[in-house]
Amino acid sequence: MAIATTKVSRNGQVVIPKEVRDRLRLTSGDTLLVADVDGRVVLSPVRAEDLRKEFDDVMAAFDRALQGERFSEAQAVAAVRRVRRRG
């Protein structure tokens, strides 16, 4: 585990130390999930394979809820977006 300190800029930006970026293979333009967990800021990389797994999990839940009826991918994406806006 790599531990380092950084400061929050006036614009709310932080620099992730190079050691941590290298260890997590983060590059410019990568997307990070930001969460407040019990008063701590947690940053987690969002990888395409993670999003695909989430989509597959949502589709499986839809299948169970619909007892085998299948949503199109577009319908599922729209439903997930609606749910995320509520969250």
N, C-alpha and C. Protein backbone atom coordinates (compact mmCIF):
# COMPACT_ATOMS: atom_id res chain seq x y z
N MET A 1 0.85 -1.18 0.00
CA MET A 1 0.00 0.00 0.00
C MET A 1 0.89 1.23 0.00
N ALA A 2 0.56 2.18 -0.86
CA ALA A 2 1.30 3.44 -0.93
C ALA A 2 0.50 4.51 -0.20
N ILE A 3 1.18 5.25 0.66
CA ILE A 3 0.55 6.34 1.39
C ILE A 3 1.35 7.60 1.15
N ALA A 4 0.66 8.69 0.84
CA ALA A 4 1.32 9.97 0.61
C ALA A 4 0.35 11.07 0.99
N THR A 5 0.85 12.29 1.03
CA THR A 5 -0.02 13.43 1.31
C THR A 5 -0.06 14.32 0.08
N THR A 6 -1.12 15.08 -0.01
CA THR A 6 -1.29 16.05 -1.08
C THR A 6 -2.17 17.16 -0.53
N LYS A 7 -2.24 18.27 -1.21
CA LYS A 7 -3.07 19.39 -0.77
C LYS A 7 -4.17 19.62 -1.78
N VAL A 8 -5.26 20.20 -1.31
CA VAL A 8 -6.37 20.59 -2.17
C VAL A 8 -6.10 22.03 -2.62
N SER A 9 -6.15 22.25 -3.94
CA SER A 9 -5.91 23.59 -4.47
C SER A 9 -7.14 24.47 -4.25
N ARG A 10 -6.98 25.74 -4.54
CA ARG A 10 -8.07 26.69 -4.43
C ARG A 10 -9.26 26.27 -5.29
N ASN A 11 -8.98 25.58 -6.40
CA ASN A 11 -10.03 25.13 -7.32
C ASN A 11 -10.56 23.74 -6.97
N GLY A 12 -10.12 23.19 -5.85
CA GLY A 12 -10.60 21.88 -5.42
C GLY A 12 -9.87 20.72 -6.07
N GLN A 13 -8.75 20.99 -6.71
CA GLN A 13 -7.98 19.94 -7.37
C GLN A 13 -6.95 19.36 -6.43
N VAL A 14 -6.65 18.07 -6.65
CA VAL A 14 -5.57 17.42 -5.91
C VAL A 14 -4.64 16.74 -6.91
N VAL A 15 -3.40 16.62 -6.55
CA VAL A 15 -2.43 15.89 -7.36
C VAL A 15 -2.23 14.53 -6.71
N ILE A 16 -2.42 13.49 -7.49
CA ILE A 16 -2.17 12.14 -6.98
C ILE A 16 -0.67 11.89 -7.17
N PRO A 17 0.04 11.59 -6.08
CA PRO A 17 1.49 11.41 -6.17
C PRO A 17 1.88 10.37 -7.22
N LYS A 18 3.01 10.59 -7.90
CA LYS A 18 3.47 9.73 -8.98
C LYS A 18 3.56 8.27 -8.56
N GLU A 19 4.05 8.02 -7.37
CA GLU A 19 4.18 6.63 -6.89
C GLU A 19 2.82 5.93 -6.90
N VAL A 20 1.80 6.63 -6.46
CA VAL A 20 0.45 6.05 -6.43
C VAL A 20 -0.09 5.90 -7.85
N ARG A 21 0.10 6.93 -8.69
CA ARG A 21 -0.35 6.84 -10.09
C ARG A 21 0.30 5.65 -10.79
N ASP A 22 1.60 5.50 -10.59
CA ASP A 22 2.31 4.38 -11.23
C ASP A 22 1.80 3.04 -10.73
N ARG A 23 1.64 2.95 -9.43
CA ARG A 23 1.19 1.69 -8.81
C ARG A 23 -0.19 1.28 -9.33
N LEU A 24 -1.08 2.27 -9.53
CA LEU A 24 -2.45 1.99 -9.99
C LEU A 24 -2.58 2.10 -11.51
N ARG A 25 -1.46 2.38 -12.19
CA ARG A 25 -1.46 2.54 -13.64
C ARG A 25 -2.47 3.60 -14.10
N LEU A 26 -2.48 4.73 -13.38
CA LEU A 26 -3.36 5.85 -13.74
C LEU A 26 -2.64 6.74 -14.74
N THR A 27 -3.37 7.17 -15.74
CA THR A 27 -2.80 8.07 -16.73
C THR A 27 -3.73 9.27 -16.91
N SER A 28 -3.22 10.30 -17.54
CA SER A 28 -4.00 11.50 -17.78
C SER A 28 -5.30 11.15 -18.50
N GLY A 29 -6.40 11.69 -18.00
CA GLY A 29 -7.70 11.44 -18.62
C GLY A 29 -8.47 10.28 -18.01
N ASP A 30 -7.83 9.47 -17.15
CA ASP A 30 -8.56 8.38 -16.50
C ASP A 30 -9.68 8.95 -15.64
N THR A 31 -10.75 8.18 -15.51
CA THR A 31 -11.89 8.59 -14.69
C THR A 31 -11.76 7.97 -13.31
N LEU A 32 -12.03 8.77 -12.29
CA LEU A 32 -12.00 8.29 -10.91
C LEU A 32 -13.37 8.47 -10.28
N LEU A 33 -13.78 7.49 -9.51
CA LEU A 33 -15.00 7.59 -8.71
C LEU A 33 -14.60 8.25 -7.40
N VAL A 34 -15.35 9.25 -6.96
CA VAL A 34 -15.06 9.96 -5.71
C VAL A 34 -16.18 9.66 -4.74
N ALA A 35 -15.83 9.17 -3.56
CA ALA A 35 -16.84 8.83 -2.56
C ALA A 35 -16.44 9.39 -1.20
N ASP A 36 -17.44 9.78 -0.44
CA ASP A 36 -17.27 10.17 0.96
C ASP A 36 -17.62 8.93 1.77
N VAL A 37 -16.62 8.32 2.38
CA VAL A 37 -16.84 7.11 3.16
C VAL A 37 -16.47 7.41 4.61
N ASP A 38 -17.48 7.58 5.43
CA ASP A 38 -17.27 7.86 6.85
C ASP A 38 -16.31 9.03 7.06
N GLY A 39 -16.52 10.12 6.29
CA GLY A 39 -15.70 11.31 6.45
C GLY A 39 -14.35 11.26 5.76
N ARG A 40 -14.12 10.22 4.98
CA ARG A 40 -12.86 10.09 4.23
C ARG A 40 -13.17 10.22 2.74
N VAL A 41 -12.27 10.86 2.01
CA VAL A 41 -12.40 10.93 0.56
C VAL A 41 -11.72 9.70 -0.01
N VAL A 42 -12.47 8.93 -0.80
CA VAL A 42 -11.93 7.73 -1.42
C VAL A 42 -12.02 7.90 -2.93
N LEU A 43 -10.89 7.75 -3.60
CA LEU A 43 -10.83 7.82 -5.06
C LEU A 43 -10.59 6.41 -5.58
N SER A 44 -11.39 5.99 -6.54
CA SER A 44 -11.23 4.65 -7.13
C SER A 44 -11.25 4.77 -8.64
N PRO A 45 -10.30 4.13 -9.31
CA PRO A 45 -10.31 4.17 -10.77
C PRO A 45 -11.57 3.49 -11.31
N VAL A 46 -12.13 4.08 -12.36
CA VAL A 46 -13.27 3.48 -13.04
C VAL A 46 -12.73 2.92 -14.35
N ARG A 47 -12.73 1.61 -14.45
CA ARG A 47 -12.19 0.92 -15.63
C ARG A 47 -13.34 0.43 -16.49
N ALA A 48 -13.11 0.37 -17.78
CA ALA A 48 -14.14 -0.09 -18.72
C ALA A 48 -14.65 -1.47 -18.34
N GLU A 49 -13.77 -2.36 -17.90
CA GLU A 49 -14.21 -3.71 -17.54
C GLU A 49 -15.11 -3.68 -16.30
N ASP A 50 -14.88 -2.72 -15.39
CA ASP A 50 -15.74 -2.58 -14.22
C ASP A 50 -17.14 -2.14 -14.65
N LEU A 51 -17.19 -1.19 -15.60
CA LEU A 51 -18.48 -0.72 -16.09
C LEU A 51 -19.23 -1.84 -16.81
N ARG A 52 -18.51 -2.66 -17.56
CA ARG A 52 -19.15 -3.77 -18.27
C ARG A 52 -19.71 -4.77 -17.26
N LYS A 53 -18.94 -5.05 -16.19
CA LYS A 53 -19.42 -5.98 -15.17
C LYS A 53 -20.67 -5.42 -14.50
N GLU A 54 -20.65 -4.12 -14.19
CA GLU A 54 -21.82 -3.49 -13.58
C GLU A 54 -23.03 -3.62 -14.51
N PHE A 55 -22.81 -3.38 -15.80
CA PHE A 55 -23.90 -3.49 -16.76
C PHE A 55 -24.42 -4.93 -16.80
N ASP A 56 -23.52 -5.91 -16.84
CA ASP A 56 -23.94 -7.32 -16.86
C ASP A 56 -24.72 -7.68 -15.60
N ASP A 57 -24.28 -7.15 -14.45
CA ASP A 57 -25.00 -7.41 -13.19
C ASP A 57 -26.39 -6.80 -13.21
N VAL A 58 -26.49 -5.58 -13.75
CA VAL A 58 -27.80 -4.92 -13.84
C VAL A 58 -28.71 -5.71 -14.78
N MET A 59 -28.17 -6.14 -15.90
CA MET A 59 -28.97 -6.92 -16.86
C MET A 59 -29.46 -8.22 -16.22
N ALA A 60 -28.61 -8.87 -15.45
CA ALA A 60 -29.01 -10.11 -14.78
C ALA A 60 -30.14 -9.83 -13.78
N ALA A 61 -30.04 -8.72 -13.07
CA ALA A 61 -31.10 -8.35 -12.12
C ALA A 61 -32.40 -8.07 -12.86
N PHE A 62 -32.30 -7.38 -14.00
CA PHE A 62 -33.49 -7.15 -14.81
C PHE A 62 -34.10 -8.48 -15.25
N ASP A 63 -33.25 -9.39 -15.70
CA ASP A 63 -33.75 -10.70 -16.16
C ASP A 63 -34.50 -11.41 -15.05
N ARG A 64 -33.93 -11.38 -13.86
CA ARG A 64 -34.60 -12.04 -12.73
C ARG A 64 -35.93 -11.35 -12.43
N ALA A 65 -35.91 -10.01 -12.42
CA ALA A 65 -37.12 -9.26 -12.11
C ALA A 65 -38.20 -9.45 -13.17
N LEU A 66 -37.79 -9.61 -14.40
CA LEU A 66 -38.75 -9.75 -15.49
C LEU A 66 -39.02 -11.22 -15.84
N GLN A 67 -38.47 -12.11 -15.04
CA GLN A 67 -38.66 -13.55 -15.22
C GLN A 67 -38.34 -13.98 -16.64
N GLY A 68 -37.14 -13.61 -17.08
CA GLY A 68 -36.66 -14.08 -18.37
C GLY A 68 -36.89 -13.12 -19.52
N GLU A 69 -37.80 -12.15 -19.39
CA GLU A 69 -37.95 -11.16 -20.45
C GLU A 69 -36.66 -10.38 -20.55
N ARG A 70 -36.27 -10.03 -21.75
CA ARG A 70 -34.98 -9.37 -21.94
C ARG A 70 -35.17 -7.91 -22.35
N PHE A 71 -34.47 -7.00 -21.64
CA PHE A 71 -34.43 -5.60 -22.02
C PHE A 71 -33.41 -5.46 -23.15
N SER A 72 -33.62 -4.51 -24.02
CA SER A 72 -32.56 -4.17 -24.97
C SER A 72 -31.48 -3.41 -24.19
N GLU A 73 -30.31 -3.33 -24.74
CA GLU A 73 -29.22 -2.62 -24.07
C GLU A 73 -29.61 -1.15 -23.88
N ALA A 74 -30.24 -0.56 -24.87
CA ALA A 74 -30.65 0.86 -24.77
C ALA A 74 -31.64 1.06 -23.64
N GLN A 75 -32.61 0.14 -23.49
CA GLN A 75 -33.58 0.25 -22.40
C GLN A 75 -32.88 0.13 -21.05
N ALA A 76 -31.93 -0.78 -20.95
CA ALA A 76 -31.21 -0.98 -19.69
C ALA A 76 -30.39 0.25 -19.33
N VAL A 77 -29.69 0.81 -20.30
CA VAL A 77 -28.88 2.01 -20.06
C VAL A 77 -29.77 3.16 -19.59
N ALA A 78 -30.92 3.33 -20.23
CA ALA A 78 -31.84 4.39 -19.82
C ALA A 78 -32.33 4.17 -18.40
N ALA A 79 -32.63 2.93 -18.04
CA ALA A 79 -33.09 2.62 -16.69
C ALA A 79 -32.00 2.88 -15.66
N VAL A 80 -30.77 2.49 -15.96
CA VAL A 80 -29.66 2.73 -15.03
C VAL A 80 -29.44 4.22 -14.85
N ARG A 81 -29.50 4.99 -15.92
CA ARG A 81 -29.34 6.44 -15.81
C ARG A 81 -30.42 7.05 -14.92
N ARG A 82 -31.65 6.58 -15.08
CA ARG A 82 -32.74 7.10 -14.24
C ARG A 82 -32.47 6.77 -12.78
N VAL A 83 -32.04 5.56 -12.50
CA VAL A 83 -31.75 5.16 -11.12
C VAL A 83 -30.59 5.96 -10.55
N ARG A 84 -29.53 6.16 -11.32
CA ARG A 84 -28.37 6.91 -10.83
C ARG A 84 -28.73 8.36 -10.53
N ARG A 85 -29.62 8.96 -11.33
CA ARG A 85 -30.04 10.35 -11.05
C ARG A 85 -30.77 10.45 -9.73
N ARG A 86 -31.50 9.41 -9.36
CA ARG A 86 -32.23 9.42 -8.09
C ARG A 86 -31.29 9.28 -6.90
N GLY A 87 -30.18 8.55 -7.09
CA GLY A 87 -29.26 8.22 -6.00
C GLY A 87 -28.57 9.39 -5.48
